[in-house]
Amino acid sequence: MATSTASIHTRATTTTAAKVASAAAVLFAVAFFWTVASVDVPHKANDAKLLGWWQQSSNQLSGIVSQYCAIAAAVLFVVLMNYFTALARKTTAAQWTAFARTMGLIFSTTLLVSAALRGVIGHMVKVDGEPLPGLEVLRYSTALNYNVISSVTMTALGLTILAVSVVIVRTVVLARWAGYVGLVCSAIILVASAAMIGAFTIILSLLWAICLSVAIWRQPAASR
């Protein structure tokens, strides 16, 4: 009787963990989307236009909002990767699983760096009461943030998606279709990141996250 009760408790716990991971994947997609959608510094703008954009209080605030969205996305991605690692730890793809976890942590770390870059100007002006920095600083801060996202962050994410997808296809720890979707998305993301335009493929990472959420939610209870 005690064994049966323990078994039921374990099954309920794993089912809850799967639901949490599935929700984390969707929330990650939402948070990552708003990380980039909440702020849009004008590209190739002249000095007057760029300075005018940053002088607006709403735009300074949008940088802070973007920062918190990026922090949320980084934390949610760690939750998702912890579940996937636990799910795949007993499979025959241990090395790919470890690689996925490592690259996932690197992605979250670089996303936190990007979060700081996104919110630094707004924090200086609205929180610390400092004057708006000069145009050189504004341009450099913006360029640095875009470079971090387009190359470093998206490369780490592309490699994470690749590793997760390989594990899924090899072991069928989740529905194999999710692995094939991930392979396609990761290939495009990595090529774009190598060309330093990885930010344009963020939409693919959102698609992958939602597909992974569905695969986790619909996996058979016995495999959780």
N, C-alpha and C. Protein backbone atom coordinates (compact mmCIF):
# COMPACT_ATOMS: atom_id res chain seq x y z
N MET A 1 0.83 -1.20 0.00
CA MET A 1 0.00 0.00 0.00
C MET A 1 0.87 1.26 0.00
N ALA A 2 1.93 1.23 0.84
CA ALA A 2 2.84 2.37 0.92
C ALA A 2 3.55 2.58 -0.40
N THR A 3 3.93 1.46 -1.04
CA THR A 3 4.61 1.54 -2.34
C THR A 3 3.69 2.15 -3.39
N SER A 4 2.42 1.74 -3.36
CA SER A 4 1.45 2.26 -4.31
C SER A 4 1.24 3.76 -4.11
N THR A 5 1.15 4.17 -2.85
CA THR A 5 0.97 5.59 -2.55
C THR A 5 2.16 6.40 -3.02
N ALA A 6 3.37 5.87 -2.79
CA ALA A 6 4.59 6.55 -3.22
C ALA A 6 4.63 6.67 -4.74
N SER A 7 4.18 5.61 -5.42
CA SER A 7 4.18 5.61 -6.88
C SER A 7 3.22 6.68 -7.42
N ILE A 8 2.06 6.78 -6.80
CA ILE A 8 1.08 7.79 -7.21
C ILE A 8 1.63 9.19 -6.98
N HIS A 9 2.28 9.37 -5.84
CA HIS A 9 2.86 10.67 -5.51
C HIS A 9 3.95 11.05 -6.51
N THR A 10 4.79 10.07 -6.87
CA THR A 10 5.86 10.33 -7.83
C THR A 10 5.30 10.70 -9.19
N ARG A 11 4.24 9.96 -9.60
CA ARG A 11 3.63 10.23 -10.90
C ARG A 11 3.01 11.63 -10.92
N ALA A 12 2.37 12.01 -9.82
CA ALA A 12 1.76 13.34 -9.74
C ALA A 12 2.82 14.44 -9.77
N THR A 13 3.95 14.16 -9.11
CA THR A 13 5.03 15.14 -9.09
C THR A 13 5.61 15.35 -10.47
N THR A 14 5.86 14.26 -11.20
CA THR A 14 6.43 14.37 -12.54
C THR A 14 5.45 15.02 -13.51
N THR A 15 4.16 14.73 -13.34
CA THR A 15 3.16 15.36 -14.19
C THR A 15 3.13 16.86 -13.94
N THR A 16 3.21 17.26 -12.68
CA THR A 16 3.25 18.68 -12.35
C THR A 16 4.49 19.34 -12.93
N ALA A 17 5.63 18.67 -12.85
CA ALA A 17 6.87 19.20 -13.40
C ALA A 17 6.75 19.41 -14.91
N ALA A 18 6.09 18.49 -15.60
CA ALA A 18 5.90 18.62 -17.04
C ALA A 18 5.02 19.83 -17.36
N LYS A 19 3.98 20.02 -16.58
CA LYS A 19 3.10 21.17 -16.81
C LYS A 19 3.83 22.48 -16.55
N VAL A 20 4.65 22.50 -15.51
CA VAL A 20 5.43 23.71 -15.20
C VAL A 20 6.40 24.01 -16.34
N ALA A 21 7.08 22.96 -16.85
CA ALA A 21 8.04 23.15 -17.94
C ALA A 21 7.34 23.60 -19.21
N SER A 22 6.16 23.03 -19.49
CA SER A 22 5.40 23.42 -20.66
C SER A 22 4.98 24.89 -20.57
N ALA A 23 4.52 25.28 -19.39
CA ALA A 23 4.14 26.68 -19.19
C ALA A 23 5.36 27.60 -19.28
N ALA A 24 6.50 27.14 -18.74
CA ALA A 24 7.72 27.94 -18.79
C ALA A 24 8.15 28.19 -20.23
N ALA A 25 7.97 27.19 -21.11
CA ALA A 25 8.35 27.35 -22.51
C ALA A 25 7.51 28.44 -23.19
N VAL A 26 6.21 28.43 -22.91
CA VAL A 26 5.32 29.44 -23.50
C VAL A 26 5.64 30.82 -22.94
N LEU A 27 5.83 30.90 -21.62
CA LEU A 27 6.14 32.19 -21.00
C LEU A 27 7.49 32.71 -21.45
N PHE A 28 8.44 31.79 -21.69
CA PHE A 28 9.73 32.20 -22.24
C PHE A 28 9.54 32.87 -23.59
N ALA A 29 8.71 32.25 -24.44
CA ALA A 29 8.47 32.82 -25.76
C ALA A 29 7.87 34.22 -25.64
N VAL A 30 6.93 34.39 -24.72
CA VAL A 30 6.29 35.70 -24.53
C VAL A 30 7.32 36.71 -24.02
N ALA A 31 8.10 36.32 -23.02
CA ALA A 31 9.08 37.24 -22.43
C ALA A 31 10.17 37.60 -23.43
N PHE A 32 10.63 36.62 -24.19
CA PHE A 32 11.68 36.88 -25.18
C PHE A 32 11.17 37.79 -26.29
N PHE A 33 9.91 37.59 -26.67
CA PHE A 33 9.30 38.45 -27.68
C PHE A 33 9.27 39.91 -27.21
N TRP A 34 8.82 40.12 -25.97
CA TRP A 34 8.72 41.48 -25.46
C TRP A 34 10.08 42.08 -25.14
N THR A 35 11.08 41.22 -24.95
CA THR A 35 12.44 41.74 -24.77
C THR A 35 12.86 42.59 -25.95
N VAL A 36 12.56 42.11 -27.15
CA VAL A 36 12.97 42.83 -28.36
C VAL A 36 11.87 43.74 -28.89
N ALA A 37 10.62 43.44 -28.59
CA ALA A 37 9.51 44.22 -29.14
C ALA A 37 9.23 45.49 -28.35
N SER A 38 9.63 45.52 -27.08
CA SER A 38 9.29 46.66 -26.23
C SER A 38 10.19 47.87 -26.47
N VAL A 39 11.33 47.67 -27.12
CA VAL A 39 12.23 48.78 -27.40
C VAL A 39 12.75 48.68 -28.83
N ASP A 40 12.75 49.81 -29.53
CA ASP A 40 13.19 49.81 -30.94
C ASP A 40 13.94 51.11 -31.21
N VAL A 41 15.22 51.10 -30.88
CA VAL A 41 16.05 52.27 -31.13
C VAL A 41 16.20 52.44 -32.64
N PRO A 42 15.97 53.64 -33.18
CA PRO A 42 16.05 53.83 -34.63
C PRO A 42 17.42 53.50 -35.20
N HIS A 43 17.42 52.75 -36.30
CA HIS A 43 18.67 52.37 -36.96
C HIS A 43 19.11 53.45 -37.95
N LYS A 44 20.42 53.63 -38.06
CA LYS A 44 21.00 54.57 -39.03
C LYS A 44 20.37 55.96 -38.93
N ALA A 45 20.03 56.35 -37.71
CA ALA A 45 19.41 57.66 -37.50
C ALA A 45 20.49 58.73 -37.38
N ASN A 46 20.15 59.95 -37.80
CA ASN A 46 21.10 61.05 -37.61
C ASN A 46 21.14 61.44 -36.14
N ASP A 47 22.06 62.31 -35.79
CA ASP A 47 22.27 62.66 -34.39
C ASP A 47 21.02 63.24 -33.74
N ALA A 48 20.33 64.13 -34.45
CA ALA A 48 19.16 64.79 -33.88
C ALA A 48 18.03 63.78 -33.62
N LYS A 49 17.81 62.88 -34.57
CA LYS A 49 16.74 61.91 -34.41
C LYS A 49 17.04 60.93 -33.28
N LEU A 50 18.28 60.47 -33.19
CA LEU A 50 18.65 59.53 -32.13
C LEU A 50 18.55 60.18 -30.76
N LEU A 51 19.06 61.40 -30.64
CA LEU A 51 19.00 62.09 -29.36
C LEU A 51 17.55 62.37 -28.97
N GLY A 52 16.73 62.75 -29.94
CA GLY A 52 15.32 63.01 -29.67
C GLY A 52 14.60 61.76 -29.19
N TRP A 53 14.97 60.61 -29.77
CA TRP A 53 14.34 59.35 -29.36
C TRP A 53 14.66 59.04 -27.90
N TRP A 54 15.92 59.19 -27.53
CA TRP A 54 16.33 58.86 -26.17
C TRP A 54 15.84 59.87 -25.15
N GLN A 55 15.54 61.09 -25.57
CA GLN A 55 15.06 62.10 -24.64
C GLN A 55 13.63 61.86 -24.21
N GLN A 56 12.92 61.03 -24.94
CA GLN A 56 11.53 60.75 -24.58
C GLN A 56 11.48 59.80 -23.38
N SER A 57 10.73 60.18 -22.37
CA SER A 57 10.64 59.40 -21.13
C SER A 57 10.10 58.00 -21.38
N SER A 58 9.13 57.88 -22.30
CA SER A 58 8.53 56.57 -22.59
C SER A 58 9.56 55.62 -23.18
N ASN A 59 10.49 56.14 -23.99
CA ASN A 59 11.52 55.28 -24.58
C ASN A 59 12.55 54.86 -23.54
N GLN A 60 12.86 55.73 -22.61
CA GLN A 60 13.75 55.36 -21.51
C GLN A 60 13.12 54.26 -20.67
N LEU A 61 11.82 54.40 -20.43
CA LEU A 61 11.10 53.38 -19.65
C LEU A 61 11.03 52.06 -20.40
N SER A 62 10.90 52.11 -21.73
CA SER A 62 10.82 50.88 -22.52
C SER A 62 12.10 50.06 -22.40
N GLY A 63 13.24 50.74 -22.23
CA GLY A 63 14.49 50.02 -22.03
C GLY A 63 14.48 49.24 -20.73
N ILE A 64 13.91 49.83 -19.69
CA ILE A 64 13.81 49.14 -18.40
C ILE A 64 12.85 47.96 -18.50
N VAL A 65 11.72 48.15 -19.21
CA VAL A 65 10.77 47.06 -19.42
C VAL A 65 11.44 45.91 -20.17
N SER A 66 12.20 46.26 -21.20
CA SER A 66 12.91 45.25 -21.97
C SER A 66 13.89 44.48 -21.09
N GLN A 67 14.54 45.20 -20.17
CA GLN A 67 15.48 44.56 -19.26
C GLN A 67 14.80 43.50 -18.41
N TYR A 68 13.65 43.84 -17.84
CA TYR A 68 12.95 42.88 -16.98
C TYR A 68 12.39 41.70 -17.78
N CYS A 69 11.98 41.96 -19.01
CA CYS A 69 11.51 40.86 -19.86
C CYS A 69 12.65 39.90 -20.16
N ALA A 70 13.84 40.44 -20.41
CA ALA A 70 15.00 39.60 -20.69
C ALA A 70 15.39 38.77 -19.47
N ILE A 71 15.30 39.37 -18.29
CA ILE A 71 15.60 38.63 -17.05
C ILE A 71 14.61 37.49 -16.89
N ALA A 72 13.32 37.78 -17.11
CA ALA A 72 12.29 36.75 -16.99
C ALA A 72 12.53 35.63 -18.00
N ALA A 73 12.88 35.99 -19.23
CA ALA A 73 13.13 34.98 -20.27
C ALA A 73 14.29 34.09 -19.89
N ALA A 74 15.35 34.66 -19.34
CA ALA A 74 16.53 33.89 -18.94
C ALA A 74 16.18 32.89 -17.84
N VAL A 75 15.42 33.32 -16.86
CA VAL A 75 15.04 32.43 -15.75
C VAL A 75 14.11 31.32 -16.23
N LEU A 76 13.15 31.67 -17.05
CA LEU A 76 12.20 30.68 -17.57
C LEU A 76 12.90 29.64 -18.44
N PHE A 77 13.92 30.08 -19.18
CA PHE A 77 14.65 29.13 -20.03
C PHE A 77 15.43 28.13 -19.18
N VAL A 78 15.97 28.59 -18.06
CA VAL A 78 16.67 27.68 -17.14
C VAL A 78 15.69 26.63 -16.59
N VAL A 79 14.49 27.06 -16.24
CA VAL A 79 13.47 26.12 -15.75
C VAL A 79 13.18 25.07 -16.82
N LEU A 80 13.02 25.51 -18.06
CA LEU A 80 12.74 24.60 -19.16
C LEU A 80 13.88 23.61 -19.37
N MET A 81 15.12 24.10 -19.36
CA MET A 81 16.26 23.24 -19.61
C MET A 81 16.50 22.27 -18.44
N ASN A 82 16.21 22.69 -17.22
CA ASN A 82 16.33 21.78 -16.08
C ASN A 82 15.39 20.59 -16.24
N TYR A 83 14.16 20.87 -16.68
CA TYR A 83 13.20 19.77 -16.89
C TYR A 83 13.67 18.85 -18.01
N PHE A 84 14.11 19.44 -19.12
CA PHE A 84 14.54 18.61 -20.24
C PHE A 84 15.74 17.75 -19.86
N THR A 85 16.67 18.32 -19.11
CA THR A 85 17.84 17.57 -18.67
C THR A 85 17.44 16.39 -17.79
N ALA A 86 16.51 16.63 -16.86
CA ALA A 86 16.03 15.55 -15.99
C ALA A 86 15.30 14.49 -16.80
N LEU A 87 14.56 14.92 -17.82
CA LEU A 87 13.81 13.98 -18.65
C LEU A 87 14.73 13.10 -19.47
N ALA A 88 15.84 13.67 -19.93
CA ALA A 88 16.73 12.95 -20.85
C ALA A 88 17.96 12.35 -20.18
N ARG A 89 18.07 12.48 -18.85
CA ARG A 89 19.31 12.05 -18.19
C ARG A 89 19.57 10.55 -18.28
N LYS A 90 18.52 9.74 -18.44
CA LYS A 90 18.69 8.29 -18.49
C LYS A 90 18.72 7.75 -19.91
N THR A 91 18.77 8.64 -20.90
CA THR A 91 18.78 8.19 -22.28
C THR A 91 20.21 7.89 -22.72
N THR A 92 20.33 7.46 -23.96
CA THR A 92 21.65 7.11 -24.50
C THR A 92 22.37 8.33 -25.09
N ALA A 93 21.74 9.49 -24.98
CA ALA A 93 22.35 10.71 -25.55
C ALA A 93 22.83 11.63 -24.43
N ALA A 94 23.60 11.06 -23.51
CA ALA A 94 24.04 11.82 -22.34
C ALA A 94 24.91 13.01 -22.72
N GLN A 95 25.80 12.84 -23.69
CA GLN A 95 26.70 13.93 -24.06
C GLN A 95 25.95 15.08 -24.71
N TRP A 96 24.99 14.76 -25.57
CA TRP A 96 24.19 15.80 -26.21
C TRP A 96 23.32 16.51 -25.17
N THR A 97 22.83 15.76 -24.20
CA THR A 97 22.02 16.36 -23.13
C THR A 97 22.84 17.33 -22.31
N ALA A 98 24.07 16.93 -21.96
CA ALA A 98 24.96 17.80 -21.20
C ALA A 98 25.31 19.05 -22.01
N PHE A 99 25.52 18.86 -23.31
CA PHE A 99 25.83 20.00 -24.17
C PHE A 99 24.65 20.97 -24.24
N ALA A 100 23.44 20.42 -24.33
CA ALA A 100 22.24 21.25 -24.37
C ALA A 100 22.11 22.07 -23.10
N ARG A 101 22.34 21.43 -21.96
CA ARG A 101 22.24 22.14 -20.68
C ARG A 101 23.29 23.25 -20.58
N THR A 102 24.52 22.95 -20.98
CA THR A 102 25.59 23.94 -20.91
C THR A 102 25.32 25.13 -21.81
N MET A 103 24.94 24.86 -23.06
CA MET A 103 24.65 25.95 -23.98
C MET A 103 23.43 26.73 -23.53
N GLY A 104 22.47 26.05 -22.91
CA GLY A 104 21.29 26.75 -22.39
C GLY A 104 21.67 27.73 -21.29
N LEU A 105 22.59 27.33 -20.44
CA LEU A 105 23.06 28.22 -19.38
C LEU A 105 23.84 29.40 -19.96
N ILE A 106 24.62 29.13 -21.01
CA ILE A 106 25.36 30.22 -21.66
C ILE A 106 24.37 31.21 -22.31
N PHE A 107 23.34 30.67 -22.94
CA PHE A 107 22.31 31.53 -23.54
C PHE A 107 21.67 32.41 -22.48
N SER A 108 21.27 31.82 -21.36
CA SER A 108 20.63 32.60 -20.29
C SER A 108 21.58 33.65 -19.74
N THR A 109 22.86 33.31 -19.62
CA THR A 109 23.85 34.26 -19.11
C THR A 109 24.01 35.45 -20.05
N THR A 110 24.14 35.18 -21.33
CA THR A 110 24.31 36.28 -22.29
C THR A 110 23.03 37.11 -22.39
N LEU A 111 21.88 36.47 -22.17
CA LEU A 111 20.63 37.21 -22.19
C LEU A 111 20.56 38.17 -20.99
N LEU A 112 21.12 37.75 -19.87
CA LEU A 112 21.19 38.63 -18.70
C LEU A 112 22.13 39.81 -18.96
N VAL A 113 23.22 39.54 -19.69
CA VAL A 113 24.11 40.64 -20.07
C VAL A 113 23.38 41.63 -20.96
N SER A 114 22.63 41.10 -21.91
CA SER A 114 21.83 41.96 -22.78
C SER A 114 20.80 42.74 -21.98
N ALA A 115 20.24 42.10 -20.96
CA ALA A 115 19.25 42.78 -20.11
C ALA A 115 19.86 44.02 -19.47
N ALA A 116 21.08 43.89 -18.97
CA ALA A 116 21.76 45.03 -18.35
C ALA A 116 22.00 46.14 -19.36
N LEU A 117 22.40 45.75 -20.58
CA LEU A 117 22.66 46.75 -21.61
C LEU A 117 21.37 47.46 -22.03
N ARG A 118 20.28 46.74 -22.04
CA ARG A 118 19.00 47.32 -22.46
C ARG A 118 18.47 48.33 -21.46
N GLY A 119 18.73 48.08 -20.19
CA GLY A 119 18.15 48.94 -19.17
C GLY A 119 19.07 50.00 -18.62
N VAL A 120 20.34 50.01 -19.04
CA VAL A 120 21.32 50.89 -18.39
C VAL A 120 21.02 52.37 -18.60
N ILE A 121 20.61 52.78 -19.80
CA ILE A 121 20.33 54.19 -20.05
C ILE A 121 19.11 54.65 -19.25
N GLY A 122 18.04 53.85 -19.31
CA GLY A 122 16.84 54.20 -18.56
C GLY A 122 17.10 54.24 -17.07
N HIS A 123 17.91 53.32 -16.58
CA HIS A 123 18.23 53.28 -15.14
C HIS A 123 19.03 54.52 -14.75
N MET A 124 19.99 54.90 -15.58
CA MET A 124 20.80 56.09 -15.29
C MET A 124 19.92 57.33 -15.14
N VAL A 125 19.02 57.51 -16.10
CA VAL A 125 18.23 58.75 -16.15
C VAL A 125 17.06 58.74 -15.16
N LYS A 126 16.27 57.64 -15.17
CA LYS A 126 15.03 57.62 -14.40
C LYS A 126 15.22 57.19 -12.95
N VAL A 127 16.22 56.40 -12.67
CA VAL A 127 16.44 55.90 -11.31
C VAL A 127 17.53 56.69 -10.59
N ASP A 128 18.69 56.83 -11.26
CA ASP A 128 19.82 57.52 -10.63
C ASP A 128 19.77 59.03 -10.79
N GLY A 129 18.90 59.51 -11.68
CA GLY A 129 18.79 60.95 -11.89
C GLY A 129 19.97 61.56 -12.62
N GLU A 130 20.71 60.74 -13.36
CA GLU A 130 21.86 61.22 -14.13
C GLU A 130 21.39 61.85 -15.44
N PRO A 131 22.17 62.76 -15.99
CA PRO A 131 21.80 63.33 -17.30
C PRO A 131 21.96 62.28 -18.40
N LEU A 132 21.24 62.48 -19.49
CA LEU A 132 21.35 61.57 -20.63
C LEU A 132 22.78 61.63 -21.18
N PRO A 133 23.43 60.49 -21.38
CA PRO A 133 24.81 60.50 -21.90
C PRO A 133 24.87 61.04 -23.32
N GLY A 134 26.08 61.28 -23.79
CA GLY A 134 26.28 61.83 -25.12
C GLY A 134 25.97 60.85 -26.23
N LEU A 135 25.96 61.36 -27.45
CA LEU A 135 25.59 60.54 -28.61
C LEU A 135 26.53 59.35 -28.80
N GLU A 136 27.82 59.54 -28.53
CA GLU A 136 28.76 58.44 -28.71
C GLU A 136 28.42 57.27 -27.80
N VAL A 137 28.07 57.58 -26.55
CA VAL A 137 27.70 56.52 -25.60
C VAL A 137 26.40 55.87 -26.01
N LEU A 138 25.43 56.65 -26.44
CA LEU A 138 24.14 56.11 -26.87
C LEU A 138 24.31 55.17 -28.06
N ARG A 139 25.11 55.59 -29.02
CA ARG A 139 25.33 54.75 -30.20
C ARG A 139 26.09 53.47 -29.83
N TYR A 140 27.11 53.62 -29.00
CA TYR A 140 27.91 52.44 -28.62
C TYR A 140 27.08 51.45 -27.82
N SER A 141 26.30 51.95 -26.85
CA SER A 141 25.47 51.07 -26.03
C SER A 141 24.46 50.31 -26.88
N THR A 142 23.85 51.01 -27.83
CA THR A 142 22.86 50.37 -28.72
C THR A 142 23.53 49.32 -29.61
N ALA A 143 24.67 49.69 -30.21
CA ALA A 143 25.37 48.76 -31.10
C ALA A 143 25.86 47.53 -30.34
N LEU A 144 26.36 47.74 -29.12
CA LEU A 144 26.85 46.62 -28.32
C LEU A 144 25.72 45.65 -27.99
N ASN A 145 24.57 46.19 -27.62
CA ASN A 145 23.43 45.34 -27.29
C ASN A 145 22.96 44.53 -28.50
N TYR A 146 22.85 45.20 -29.64
CA TYR A 146 22.41 44.49 -30.84
C TYR A 146 23.41 43.41 -31.25
N ASN A 147 24.70 43.69 -31.07
CA ASN A 147 25.72 42.70 -31.41
C ASN A 147 25.66 41.49 -30.48
N VAL A 148 25.46 41.74 -29.19
CA VAL A 148 25.34 40.64 -28.22
C VAL A 148 24.18 39.73 -28.59
N ILE A 149 23.03 40.34 -28.89
CA ILE A 149 21.84 39.54 -29.23
C ILE A 149 22.03 38.81 -30.57
N SER A 150 22.47 39.53 -31.59
CA SER A 150 22.52 38.98 -32.94
C SER A 150 23.57 37.91 -33.14
N SER A 151 24.66 37.97 -32.37
CA SER A 151 25.73 37.00 -32.57
C SER A 151 25.87 36.05 -31.39
N VAL A 152 26.24 36.56 -30.24
CA VAL A 152 26.55 35.69 -29.10
C VAL A 152 25.31 34.97 -28.57
N THR A 153 24.29 35.74 -28.21
CA THR A 153 23.09 35.16 -27.59
C THR A 153 22.39 34.18 -28.52
N MET A 154 22.17 34.58 -29.75
CA MET A 154 21.44 33.71 -30.68
C MET A 154 22.26 32.50 -31.11
N THR A 155 23.59 32.64 -31.14
CA THR A 155 24.42 31.47 -31.42
C THR A 155 24.27 30.43 -30.31
N ALA A 156 24.32 30.89 -29.05
CA ALA A 156 24.14 29.98 -27.92
C ALA A 156 22.78 29.33 -27.95
N LEU A 157 21.75 30.11 -28.29
CA LEU A 157 20.40 29.55 -28.36
C LEU A 157 20.28 28.56 -29.51
N GLY A 158 20.88 28.88 -30.66
CA GLY A 158 20.83 27.96 -31.80
C GLY A 158 21.49 26.63 -31.48
N LEU A 159 22.62 26.67 -30.79
CA LEU A 159 23.30 25.43 -30.41
C LEU A 159 22.50 24.66 -29.36
N THR A 160 21.82 25.38 -28.47
CA THR A 160 20.96 24.71 -27.49
C THR A 160 19.82 23.98 -28.18
N ILE A 161 19.17 24.68 -29.09
CA ILE A 161 18.05 24.07 -29.83
C ILE A 161 18.53 22.87 -30.63
N LEU A 162 19.71 22.99 -31.24
CA LEU A 162 20.28 21.88 -32.01
C LEU A 162 20.48 20.66 -31.12
N ALA A 163 21.10 20.86 -29.95
CA ALA A 163 21.38 19.74 -29.05
C ALA A 163 20.10 19.10 -28.53
N VAL A 164 19.15 19.92 -28.14
CA VAL A 164 17.86 19.40 -27.67
C VAL A 164 17.18 18.58 -28.76
N SER A 165 17.23 19.09 -29.98
CA SER A 165 16.58 18.41 -31.10
C SER A 165 17.23 17.08 -31.42
N VAL A 166 18.56 17.04 -31.36
CA VAL A 166 19.27 15.77 -31.60
C VAL A 166 18.87 14.73 -30.55
N VAL A 167 18.79 15.15 -29.30
CA VAL A 167 18.38 14.22 -28.24
C VAL A 167 16.98 13.69 -28.50
N ILE A 168 16.07 14.57 -28.89
CA ILE A 168 14.69 14.15 -29.15
C ILE A 168 14.61 13.17 -30.31
N VAL A 169 15.30 13.49 -31.40
CA VAL A 169 15.24 12.62 -32.59
C VAL A 169 15.88 11.27 -32.30
N ARG A 170 16.98 11.25 -31.55
CA ARG A 170 17.67 9.99 -31.27
C ARG A 170 16.95 9.12 -30.26
N THR A 171 16.36 9.73 -29.26
CA THR A 171 15.82 8.96 -28.13
C THR A 171 14.29 8.96 -28.06
N VAL A 172 13.65 9.86 -28.82
CA VAL A 172 12.19 10.02 -28.78
C VAL A 172 11.72 10.25 -27.33
N VAL A 173 12.50 11.01 -26.57
CA VAL A 173 12.10 11.35 -25.22
C VAL A 173 10.89 12.29 -25.25
N LEU A 174 10.73 13.00 -26.36
CA LEU A 174 9.53 13.76 -26.67
C LEU A 174 9.14 13.41 -28.11
N ALA A 175 8.00 13.90 -28.55
CA ALA A 175 7.55 13.60 -29.91
C ALA A 175 8.61 14.00 -30.93
N ARG A 176 8.89 13.10 -31.85
CA ARG A 176 10.00 13.30 -32.79
C ARG A 176 9.79 14.52 -33.67
N TRP A 177 8.53 14.88 -33.96
CA TRP A 177 8.28 16.04 -34.81
C TRP A 177 8.86 17.31 -34.20
N ALA A 178 8.86 17.39 -32.87
CA ALA A 178 9.43 18.56 -32.20
C ALA A 178 10.94 18.64 -32.45
N GLY A 179 11.58 17.48 -32.54
CA GLY A 179 13.00 17.45 -32.84
C GLY A 179 13.30 17.93 -34.25
N TYR A 180 12.47 17.53 -35.21
CA TYR A 180 12.68 17.97 -36.59
C TYR A 180 12.45 19.46 -36.74
N VAL A 181 11.44 19.98 -36.06
CA VAL A 181 11.20 21.43 -36.09
C VAL A 181 12.43 22.16 -35.52
N GLY A 182 12.96 21.64 -34.43
CA GLY A 182 14.12 22.25 -33.81
C GLY A 182 15.35 22.23 -34.70
N LEU A 183 15.56 21.13 -35.43
CA LEU A 183 16.72 21.03 -36.32
C LEU A 183 16.66 22.09 -37.42
N VAL A 184 15.48 22.29 -37.98
CA VAL A 184 15.32 23.31 -39.03
C VAL A 184 15.55 24.70 -38.45
N CYS A 185 14.91 24.98 -37.30
CA CYS A 185 15.05 26.30 -36.68
C CYS A 185 16.50 26.59 -36.29
N SER A 186 17.16 25.60 -35.71
CA SER A 186 18.54 25.82 -35.25
C SER A 186 19.48 26.08 -36.43
N ALA A 187 19.27 25.37 -37.54
CA ALA A 187 20.12 25.57 -38.72
C ALA A 187 20.01 27.01 -39.23
N ILE A 188 18.80 27.51 -39.32
CA ILE A 188 18.59 28.88 -39.81
C ILE A 188 19.16 29.90 -38.82
N ILE A 189 18.92 29.67 -37.53
CA ILE A 189 19.42 30.58 -36.50
C ILE A 189 20.94 30.66 -36.51
N LEU A 190 21.60 29.51 -36.63
CA LEU A 190 23.06 29.48 -36.61
C LEU A 190 23.67 30.15 -37.84
N VAL A 191 23.06 29.95 -38.99
CA VAL A 191 23.55 30.61 -40.21
C VAL A 191 23.38 32.12 -40.08
N ALA A 192 22.23 32.55 -39.60
CA ALA A 192 21.97 33.98 -39.43
C ALA A 192 22.90 34.59 -38.38
N SER A 193 23.16 33.86 -37.31
CA SER A 193 24.05 34.35 -36.27
C SER A 193 25.48 34.50 -36.78
N ALA A 194 25.90 33.56 -37.63
CA ALA A 194 27.23 33.66 -38.23
C ALA A 194 27.35 34.90 -39.11
N ALA A 195 26.23 35.31 -39.69
CA ALA A 195 26.19 36.51 -40.52
C ALA A 195 25.90 37.75 -39.68
N MET A 196 25.82 37.57 -38.35
CA MET A 196 25.58 38.66 -37.39
C MET A 196 24.22 39.32 -37.57
N ILE A 197 23.24 38.53 -38.03
CA ILE A 197 21.86 39.02 -38.14
C ILE A 197 20.92 38.04 -37.41
N GLY A 198 21.45 37.44 -36.35
CA GLY A 198 20.66 36.45 -35.63
C GLY A 198 19.40 37.00 -35.02
N ALA A 199 19.36 38.30 -34.71
CA ALA A 199 18.16 38.89 -34.10
C ALA A 199 16.94 38.74 -35.00
N PHE A 200 17.17 38.65 -36.31
CA PHE A 200 16.04 38.52 -37.24
C PHE A 200 15.42 37.13 -37.19
N THR A 201 16.07 36.18 -36.53
CA THR A 201 15.53 34.82 -36.44
C THR A 201 14.93 34.52 -35.07
N ILE A 202 14.75 35.56 -34.26
CA ILE A 202 14.16 35.35 -32.93
C ILE A 202 12.78 34.71 -33.05
N ILE A 203 12.04 35.08 -34.11
CA ILE A 203 10.70 34.51 -34.32
C ILE A 203 10.76 32.98 -34.40
N LEU A 204 11.86 32.45 -34.96
CA LEU A 204 12.00 30.99 -35.05
C LEU A 204 12.21 30.37 -33.68
N SER A 205 12.91 31.08 -32.80
CA SER A 205 13.11 30.56 -31.44
C SER A 205 11.79 30.54 -30.67
N LEU A 206 10.93 31.51 -30.95
CA LEU A 206 9.62 31.53 -30.31
C LEU A 206 8.76 30.37 -30.80
N LEU A 207 8.83 30.10 -32.11
CA LEU A 207 8.10 28.96 -32.69
C LEU A 207 8.59 27.66 -32.07
N TRP A 208 9.91 27.52 -31.94
CA TRP A 208 10.47 26.30 -31.34
C TRP A 208 10.02 26.13 -29.90
N ALA A 209 10.02 27.20 -29.13
CA ALA A 209 9.63 27.12 -27.73
C ALA A 209 8.17 26.68 -27.59
N ILE A 210 7.31 27.21 -28.44
CA ILE A 210 5.90 26.83 -28.38
C ILE A 210 5.72 25.37 -28.78
N CYS A 211 6.44 24.94 -29.83
CA CYS A 211 6.37 23.53 -30.25
C CYS A 211 6.86 22.61 -29.15
N LEU A 212 7.94 22.99 -28.47
CA LEU A 212 8.46 22.18 -27.38
C LEU A 212 7.46 22.12 -26.23
N SER A 213 6.79 23.23 -25.98
CA SER A 213 5.76 23.26 -24.94
C SER A 213 4.64 22.27 -25.24
N VAL A 214 4.20 22.27 -26.48
CA VAL A 214 3.14 21.33 -26.89
C VAL A 214 3.61 19.89 -26.75
N ALA A 215 4.85 19.61 -27.17
CA ALA A 215 5.39 18.25 -27.08
C ALA A 215 5.49 17.79 -25.63
N ILE A 216 5.90 18.68 -24.73
CA ILE A 216 5.99 18.32 -23.32
C ILE A 216 4.61 18.08 -22.73
N TRP A 217 3.68 18.96 -23.05
CA TRP A 217 2.32 18.85 -22.51
C TRP A 217 1.63 17.57 -22.96
N ARG A 218 1.90 17.16 -24.21
CA ARG A 218 1.19 16.01 -24.78
C ARG A 218 1.92 14.69 -24.64
N GLN A 219 3.11 14.72 -24.01
CA GLN A 219 3.84 13.46 -23.87
C GLN A 219 3.07 12.49 -22.98
N PRO A 220 3.16 11.18 -23.26
CA PRO A 220 2.45 10.19 -22.44
C PRO A 220 2.88 10.28 -20.99
N ALA A 221 1.92 10.11 -20.08
CA ALA A 221 2.20 10.22 -18.65
C ALA A 221 3.25 9.23 -18.20
N ALA A 222 3.29 8.07 -18.84
CA ALA A 222 4.24 7.02 -18.42
C ALA A 222 5.67 7.42 -18.67
N SER A 223 5.90 8.35 -19.61
CA SER A 223 7.27 8.73 -19.94
C SER A 223 7.75 9.94 -19.16
N ARG A 224 6.88 10.52 -18.33
CA ARG A 224 7.26 11.71 -17.59
C ARG A 224 8.05 11.36 -16.35
